[in-house]
């Protein structure tokens, strides 16, 4: 159907942009971790655990933000049910 063509093109473009954006984000993260794992003149040629700490801290922060976002949406759903039912039973 020709009526769906503009919508399909927009969705395909958005999915493609999101996919390519995620690839560049992941490759940048991998490069940053790799760079922090390499010995450098600043560390006098010794390996440090900065890359591992960076990766763990990044993942922990990502998990925390995701958990908070999920918890917030759940709480908003509970409040929405409370407001539309007019009773405290909705919060249980």
N, C-alpha and C. Protein backbone atom coordinates (compact mmCIF):
# COMPACT_ATOMS: atom_id res chain seq x y z
N UNK A 1 0.84 -1.17 0.00
CA UNK A 1 0.00 0.00 0.00
C UNK A 1 0.89 1.24 0.00
N UNK A 2 0.58 2.21 -0.88
CA UNK A 2 1.40 3.41 -1.00
C UNK A 2 1.25 4.35 0.18
N UNK A 3 0.13 4.24 0.92
CA UNK A 3 -0.07 5.11 2.09
C UNK A 3 0.91 4.78 3.21
N UNK A 4 1.38 3.54 3.27
CA UNK A 4 2.31 3.12 4.32
C UNK A 4 3.77 3.40 3.98
N UNK A 5 4.06 3.75 2.74
CA UNK A 5 5.44 3.93 2.29
C UNK A 5 6.19 5.01 3.08
N UNK A 6 5.62 6.20 3.29
CA UNK A 6 6.36 7.21 4.08
C UNK A 6 6.60 6.76 5.52
N UNK A 7 5.61 6.11 6.10
CA UNK A 7 5.75 5.63 7.47
C UNK A 7 6.85 4.57 7.55
N UNK A 8 6.83 3.62 6.62
CA UNK A 8 7.85 2.58 6.60
C UNK A 8 9.24 3.17 6.41
N UNK A 9 9.38 4.14 5.53
CA UNK A 9 10.68 4.77 5.29
C UNK A 9 11.19 5.46 6.55
N UNK A 10 10.29 6.13 7.26
CA UNK A 10 10.68 6.81 8.50
C UNK A 10 11.11 5.80 9.57
N UNK A 11 10.37 4.73 9.73
CA UNK A 11 10.72 3.70 10.70
C UNK A 11 12.04 3.03 10.34
N UNK A 12 12.22 2.71 9.06
CA UNK A 12 13.46 2.08 8.62
C UNK A 12 14.66 3.00 8.86
N UNK A 13 14.48 4.27 8.61
CA UNK A 13 15.57 5.24 8.84
C UNK A 13 15.88 5.35 10.33
N UNK A 14 14.85 5.39 11.17
CA UNK A 14 15.06 5.50 12.61
C UNK A 14 15.76 4.27 13.16
N UNK A 15 15.35 3.08 12.71
CA UNK A 15 15.98 1.85 13.17
C UNK A 15 17.44 1.81 12.72
N UNK A 16 17.69 2.19 11.48
CA UNK A 16 19.06 2.22 10.97
C UNK A 16 19.93 3.20 11.74
N UNK A 17 19.39 4.37 12.02
CA UNK A 17 20.15 5.37 12.78
C UNK A 17 20.43 4.88 14.19
N UNK A 18 19.46 4.27 14.83
CA UNK A 18 19.66 3.74 16.18
C UNK A 18 20.67 2.62 16.21
N UNK A 19 20.62 1.74 15.21
CA UNK A 19 21.57 0.63 15.14
C UNK A 19 22.99 1.15 14.94
N UNK A 20 23.17 2.07 14.00
CA UNK A 20 24.51 2.62 13.76
C UNK A 20 25.00 3.42 14.97
N UNK A 21 24.09 4.12 15.62
CA UNK A 21 24.47 4.86 16.82
C UNK A 21 24.93 3.95 17.93
N UNK A 22 24.26 2.81 18.08
CA UNK A 22 24.67 1.87 19.13
C UNK A 22 26.02 1.26 18.81
N UNK A 23 26.29 1.00 17.54
CA UNK A 23 27.60 0.46 17.17
C UNK A 23 28.72 1.43 17.50
N UNK A 24 28.52 2.71 17.21
CA UNK A 24 29.57 3.69 17.50
C UNK A 24 29.75 3.86 19.01
N UNK A 25 28.69 3.76 19.77
CA UNK A 25 28.79 3.88 21.23
C UNK A 25 29.56 2.70 21.81
N UNK A 26 29.25 1.50 21.37
CA UNK A 26 29.92 0.31 21.87
C UNK A 26 31.39 0.32 21.46
N UNK A 27 31.68 0.71 20.23
CA UNK A 27 33.08 0.71 19.79
C UNK A 27 33.88 1.77 20.53
N UNK A 28 33.29 2.91 20.85
CA UNK A 28 33.97 3.93 21.63
C UNK A 28 34.26 3.43 23.04
N UNK A 29 33.28 2.77 23.65
CA UNK A 29 33.45 2.21 24.99
C UNK A 29 34.59 1.18 24.98
N UNK A 30 34.59 0.29 24.00
CA UNK A 30 35.64 -0.73 23.91
C UNK A 30 37.01 -0.09 23.73
N UNK A 31 37.07 0.97 22.92
CA UNK A 31 38.35 1.66 22.70
C UNK A 31 38.83 2.34 23.98
N UNK A 32 37.92 2.95 24.72
CA UNK A 32 38.30 3.61 25.97
C UNK A 32 38.81 2.60 27.01
N UNK A 33 38.14 1.47 27.11
CA UNK A 33 38.58 0.43 28.05
C UNK A 33 39.95 -0.09 27.62
N UNK A 34 40.10 -0.36 26.34
CA UNK A 34 41.37 -0.87 25.80
C UNK A 34 42.51 0.12 26.05
N UNK A 35 42.24 1.39 25.83
CA UNK A 35 43.26 2.42 26.04
C UNK A 35 43.70 2.47 27.50
N UNK A 36 42.77 2.29 28.41
CA UNK A 36 43.11 2.34 29.83
C UNK A 36 43.83 1.07 30.30
N UNK A 37 43.73 0.00 29.54
CA UNK A 37 44.42 -1.24 29.90
C UNK A 37 45.87 -1.28 29.40
N UNK A 38 46.18 -0.46 28.40
CA UNK A 38 47.53 -0.48 27.83
C UNK A 38 48.53 0.22 28.75
N UNK A 39 49.73 -0.33 28.83
CA UNK A 39 50.78 0.36 29.59
C UNK A 39 51.13 1.69 28.90
N UNK A 40 51.45 2.69 29.69
CA UNK A 40 51.78 4.00 29.12
C UNK A 40 52.99 4.58 29.84
N UNK A 41 53.48 5.69 29.30
CA UNK A 41 54.61 6.37 29.92
C UNK A 41 54.22 6.89 31.31
N UNK A 42 52.97 7.28 31.46
CA UNK A 42 52.51 7.82 32.75
C UNK A 42 52.53 6.75 33.84
N UNK A 43 52.34 5.49 33.44
CA UNK A 43 52.36 4.40 34.42
C UNK A 43 53.70 3.67 34.42
N UNK A 44 54.70 4.27 33.77
CA UNK A 44 56.06 3.72 33.69
C UNK A 44 56.07 2.31 33.09
N UNK A 45 55.21 2.12 32.08
CA UNK A 45 55.17 0.86 31.37
C UNK A 45 54.45 -0.27 32.06
N UNK A 46 53.86 0.01 33.21
CA UNK A 46 53.15 -1.04 33.95
C UNK A 46 51.67 -1.01 33.60
N UNK A 47 51.06 -2.17 33.60
CA UNK A 47 49.62 -2.25 33.39
C UNK A 47 48.91 -1.80 34.67
N UNK A 48 47.81 -1.16 34.49
CA UNK A 48 47.01 -0.75 35.65
C UNK A 48 45.63 -1.38 35.52
N UNK A 49 44.88 -1.30 36.56
CA UNK A 49 43.52 -1.85 36.52
C UNK A 49 42.50 -0.75 36.19
N UNK A 50 42.97 0.37 35.64
CA UNK A 50 42.08 1.48 35.32
C UNK A 50 41.01 1.09 34.30
N UNK A 51 41.37 0.26 33.34
CA UNK A 51 40.40 -0.16 32.33
C UNK A 51 39.30 -1.02 32.93
N UNK A 52 39.68 -1.93 33.80
CA UNK A 52 38.70 -2.79 34.45
C UNK A 52 37.79 -1.97 35.35
N UNK A 53 38.38 -1.06 36.12
CA UNK A 53 37.58 -0.20 36.99
C UNK A 53 36.64 0.69 36.18
N UNK A 54 37.14 1.22 35.07
CA UNK A 54 36.31 2.06 34.20
C UNK A 54 35.12 1.27 33.66
N UNK A 55 35.38 0.05 33.19
CA UNK A 55 34.31 -0.78 32.63
C UNK A 55 33.29 -1.13 33.71
N UNK A 56 33.76 -1.54 34.87
CA UNK A 56 32.84 -1.90 35.96
C UNK A 56 32.03 -0.70 36.44
N UNK A 57 32.68 0.45 36.57
CA UNK A 57 31.97 1.66 37.00
C UNK A 57 30.93 2.08 35.96
N UNK A 58 31.28 1.99 34.69
CA UNK A 58 30.34 2.35 33.63
C UNK A 58 29.12 1.43 33.64
N UNK A 59 29.37 0.14 33.77
CA UNK A 59 28.26 -0.81 33.79
C UNK A 59 27.40 -0.64 35.05
N UNK A 60 28.04 -0.38 36.18
CA UNK A 60 27.29 -0.18 37.42
C UNK A 60 26.41 1.06 37.33
N UNK A 61 26.95 2.14 36.80
CA UNK A 61 26.16 3.37 36.64
C UNK A 61 25.00 3.16 35.67
N UNK A 62 25.27 2.45 34.58
CA UNK A 62 24.22 2.17 33.60
C UNK A 62 23.11 1.34 34.24
N UNK A 63 23.49 0.32 35.00
CA UNK A 63 22.49 -0.51 35.67
C UNK A 63 21.68 0.32 36.66
N UNK A 64 22.35 1.18 37.43
CA UNK A 64 21.67 2.01 38.43
C UNK A 64 20.67 2.96 37.77
N UNK A 65 21.06 3.60 36.69
CA UNK A 65 20.16 4.52 36.01
C UNK A 65 18.98 3.75 35.41
N UNK A 66 19.25 2.59 34.83
CA UNK A 66 18.16 1.78 34.29
C UNK A 66 17.20 1.33 35.36
N UNK A 67 17.72 0.91 36.50
CA UNK A 67 16.87 0.48 37.61
C UNK A 67 16.02 1.65 38.12
N UNK A 68 16.62 2.82 38.29
CA UNK A 68 15.88 3.99 38.76
C UNK A 68 14.78 4.38 37.77
N UNK A 69 15.09 4.33 36.48
CA UNK A 69 14.09 4.67 35.47
C UNK A 69 12.92 3.69 35.52
N UNK A 70 13.24 2.41 35.66
CA UNK A 70 12.19 1.39 35.76
C UNK A 70 11.34 1.60 37.01
N UNK A 71 12.01 1.84 38.15
CA UNK A 71 11.28 2.04 39.41
C UNK A 71 10.39 3.28 39.32
N UNK A 72 10.89 4.32 38.69
CA UNK A 72 10.10 5.55 38.56
C UNK A 72 8.86 5.31 37.70
N UNK A 73 9.01 4.58 36.61
CA UNK A 73 7.84 4.32 35.76
C UNK A 73 6.83 3.45 36.49
N UNK A 74 7.30 2.51 37.30
CA UNK A 74 6.37 1.67 38.06
C UNK A 74 5.61 2.50 39.08
N UNK A 75 6.31 3.41 39.74
CA UNK A 75 5.67 4.26 40.75
C UNK A 75 4.67 5.20 40.08
N UNK A 76 5.01 5.72 38.91
CA UNK A 76 4.08 6.60 38.20
C UNK A 76 2.82 5.84 37.80
N UNK A 77 2.98 4.57 37.40
CA UNK A 77 1.82 3.75 37.06
C UNK A 77 0.92 3.56 38.29
N UNK A 78 1.52 3.33 39.45
CA UNK A 78 0.74 3.16 40.67
C UNK A 78 -0.02 4.43 41.02
N UNK A 79 0.66 5.58 40.90
CA UNK A 79 0.00 6.85 41.21
C UNK A 79 -1.11 7.15 40.21
N UNK A 80 -0.87 6.78 38.96
CA UNK A 80 -1.89 6.99 37.93
C UNK A 80 -3.14 6.17 38.24
N UNK A 81 -2.96 4.90 38.64
CA UNK A 81 -4.11 4.07 39.02
C UNK A 81 -4.82 4.65 40.24
N UNK A 82 -4.07 5.18 41.20
CA UNK A 82 -4.65 5.78 42.40
C UNK A 82 -5.52 6.97 42.02
N UNK A 83 -4.99 7.82 41.15
CA UNK A 83 -5.72 9.03 40.75
C UNK A 83 -6.98 8.70 39.97
N UNK A 84 -6.94 7.65 39.16
CA UNK A 84 -8.10 7.33 38.33
C UNK A 84 -9.12 6.45 39.03
N UNK A 85 -8.72 5.77 40.08
CA UNK A 85 -9.70 4.96 40.81
C UNK A 85 -10.21 5.67 42.05
N UNK A 86 -9.44 6.65 42.51
CA UNK A 86 -9.88 7.43 43.65
C UNK A 86 -9.77 6.70 44.97
N UNK A 87 -8.94 5.69 45.05
CA UNK A 87 -8.85 4.96 46.29
C UNK A 87 -7.45 4.45 46.58
N UNK A 88 -7.20 4.20 47.84
CA UNK A 88 -5.89 3.71 48.26
C UNK A 88 -5.67 2.26 47.88
N UNK A 89 -6.71 1.54 47.50
CA UNK A 89 -6.57 0.13 47.10
C UNK A 89 -5.67 -0.02 45.88
N UNK A 90 -5.59 1.00 45.07
CA UNK A 90 -4.78 0.92 43.85
C UNK A 90 -3.29 0.89 44.15
N UNK A 91 -2.89 1.35 45.34
CA UNK A 91 -1.48 1.40 45.69
C UNK A 91 -0.99 0.09 46.30
N UNK A 92 -1.84 -0.87 46.48
CA UNK A 92 -1.45 -2.15 47.08
C UNK A 92 -1.02 -3.12 46.04
